[in-house]
Amino acid sequence: MIVDRLDIGAEEFQQATGWEIKPEGACRAEVCVPLPDGGFDLSAAAHRLGMAVVSEPSPGLWAVGPETLGGRALATADASDFRLPDLDGNEFPITSLRGHKVLLVAWAPY
């Protein structure tokens, strides 16, 4: 889920994530995770659900990752040093992009 502010409402959170905010906490199906009292707070809900929250200051956006009820959110990662072909077929070292944000998309037909 990508948002332009952290003060979103419970309804917007539910629509984006499937977690319904109830008096007993954030609930999906039969699983409920207690949330702090005092109204919905995206940062607190994300913390309780193990969702990574990553900001990108220049456009003023936040990305909220999927829940990890086991507490193992992937907040950062370094790619191993491997090479991919560029559009001309030349090998391109992925490490040459170090320091830049990179999105790798993998696809398999099965």
Protein backbone atom coordinates (compact mmCIF):
# COMPACT_ATOMS: atom_id res chain seq x y z
CA MET A 1 0.00 0.00 0.00
CA ILE A 2 1.38 3.42 -0.92
CA VAL A 3 0.12 6.54 0.86
CA ASP A 4 0.98 10.23 0.74
CA ARG A 5 0.33 10.77 4.45
CA LEU A 6 0.42 8.65 7.60
CA ASP A 7 -2.86 9.97 9.04
CA ILE A 8 -5.15 7.76 6.95
CA GLY A 9 -8.42 6.49 8.36
CA ALA A 10 -9.35 2.98 9.40
CA GLU A 11 -11.62 2.56 6.37
CA GLU A 12 -8.84 3.41 3.90
CA PHE A 13 -6.52 0.99 5.74
CA GLN A 14 -9.13 -1.77 5.54
CA GLN A 15 -9.74 -1.22 1.82
CA ALA A 16 -6.02 -1.38 1.05
CA THR A 17 -5.03 -4.26 3.35
CA GLY A 18 -8.11 -6.31 4.16
CA TRP A 19 -7.60 -5.76 7.92
CA GLU A 20 -10.84 -4.52 9.51
CA ILE A 21 -10.43 -2.19 12.48
CA LYS A 22 -12.76 -3.29 15.29
CA PRO A 23 -12.91 -2.50 19.02
CA GLU A 24 -10.84 -5.65 19.67
CA GLY A 25 -8.13 -4.58 17.20
CA ALA A 26 -7.18 -5.22 13.57
CA CYS A 27 -9.04 -8.32 12.39
CA ARG A 28 -8.95 -10.49 9.30
CA ALA A 29 -11.14 -13.60 9.31
CA GLU A 30 -10.68 -15.16 12.76
CA VAL A 31 -7.36 -13.46 13.53
CA CYS A 32 -7.41 -10.24 15.61
CA VAL A 33 -4.33 -8.27 16.64
CA PRO A 34 -4.83 -5.82 19.53
CA LEU A 35 -4.20 -2.15 18.72
CA PRO A 36 -3.62 0.79 21.08
CA ASP A 37 -6.69 2.67 22.28
CA GLY A 38 -7.48 6.18 21.09
CA GLY A 39 -8.41 5.93 17.43
CA PHE A 40 -6.68 4.46 14.42
CA ASP A 41 -2.97 5.15 13.99
CA LEU A 42 -1.32 3.75 10.84
CA SER A 43 2.17 3.63 12.38
CA ALA A 44 0.94 1.76 15.46
CA ALA A 45 -1.16 -0.67 13.39
CA ALA A 46 1.75 -1.34 11.03
CA HIS A 47 4.05 -1.98 13.99
CA ARG A 48 1.61 -4.39 15.65
CA LEU A 49 1.00 -6.26 12.37
CA GLY A 50 4.71 -6.43 11.52
CA MET A 51 4.31 -4.29 8.40
CA ALA A 52 7.42 -2.47 7.23
CA VAL A 53 6.85 1.26 6.65
CA VAL A 54 9.37 2.87 4.29
CA SER A 55 9.39 6.56 3.35
CA GLU A 56 10.54 8.28 0.19
CA PRO A 57 11.01 11.95 1.11
CA SER A 58 11.27 13.61 -2.32
CA PRO A 59 7.73 12.78 -3.50
CA GLY A 60 6.46 12.54 0.09
CA LEU A 61 5.27 8.93 -0.10
CA TRP A 62 5.23 5.99 2.29
CA ALA A 63 5.08 2.32 1.34
CA VAL A 64 3.45 -0.03 3.82
CA GLY A 65 4.39 -3.67 3.33
CA PRO A 66 2.30 -6.78 3.95
CA GLU A 67 1.73 -8.10 7.45
CA THR A 68 4.31 -10.44 8.96
CA LEU A 69 2.69 -11.71 12.11
CA GLY A 70 5.89 -13.65 12.80
CA GLY A 71 7.71 -10.32 13.15
CA ARG A 72 10.13 -10.72 10.24
CA ALA A 73 9.40 -7.79 7.94
CA LEU A 74 11.96 -7.23 5.21
CA ALA A 75 12.81 -3.55 5.63
CA THR A 76 16.05 -3.59 3.66
CA ALA A 77 18.02 -6.01 1.54
CA ASP A 78 21.22 -6.12 -0.46
CA ALA A 79 21.14 -7.99 -3.74
CA SER A 80 23.93 -10.45 -4.38
CA ASP A 81 26.41 -9.56 -7.10
CA PHE A 82 24.94 -10.97 -10.28
CA ARG A 83 24.74 -9.87 -13.90
CA LEU A 84 21.73 -9.50 -16.15
CA PRO A 85 21.57 -8.81 -19.88
CA ASP A 86 20.59 -5.28 -20.85
CA LEU A 87 18.34 -4.51 -23.83
CA ASP A 88 21.31 -4.87 -26.20
CA GLY A 89 22.36 -8.24 -24.74
CA ASN A 90 25.39 -6.89 -22.87
CA GLU A 91 25.98 -8.11 -19.33
CA PHE A 92 24.97 -5.53 -16.75
CA PRO A 93 26.27 -5.86 -13.15
CA ILE A 94 23.47 -5.24 -10.66
CA THR A 95 26.02 -3.88 -8.16
CA SER A 96 26.57 -0.88 -10.46
CA LEU A 97 23.22 0.36 -9.16
CA ARG A 98 24.32 0.36 -5.52
CA GLY A 99 22.97 3.44 -3.78
CA HIS A 100 19.96 3.66 -6.10
CA LYS A 101 16.50 2.25 -5.56
CA VAL A 102 15.96 -0.74 -7.84
CA LEU A 103 12.88 -2.79 -8.61
CA LEU A 104 13.50 -6.28 -9.95
CA VAL A 105 10.53 -8.08 -11.43
CA ALA A 106 10.70 -11.83 -11.91
CA TRP A 107 8.18 -13.78 -13.93
CA ALA A 108 7.68 -17.47 -14.51
CA PRO A 109 5.00 -19.01 -16.73
CA TYR A 110 4.09 -21.79 -14.30
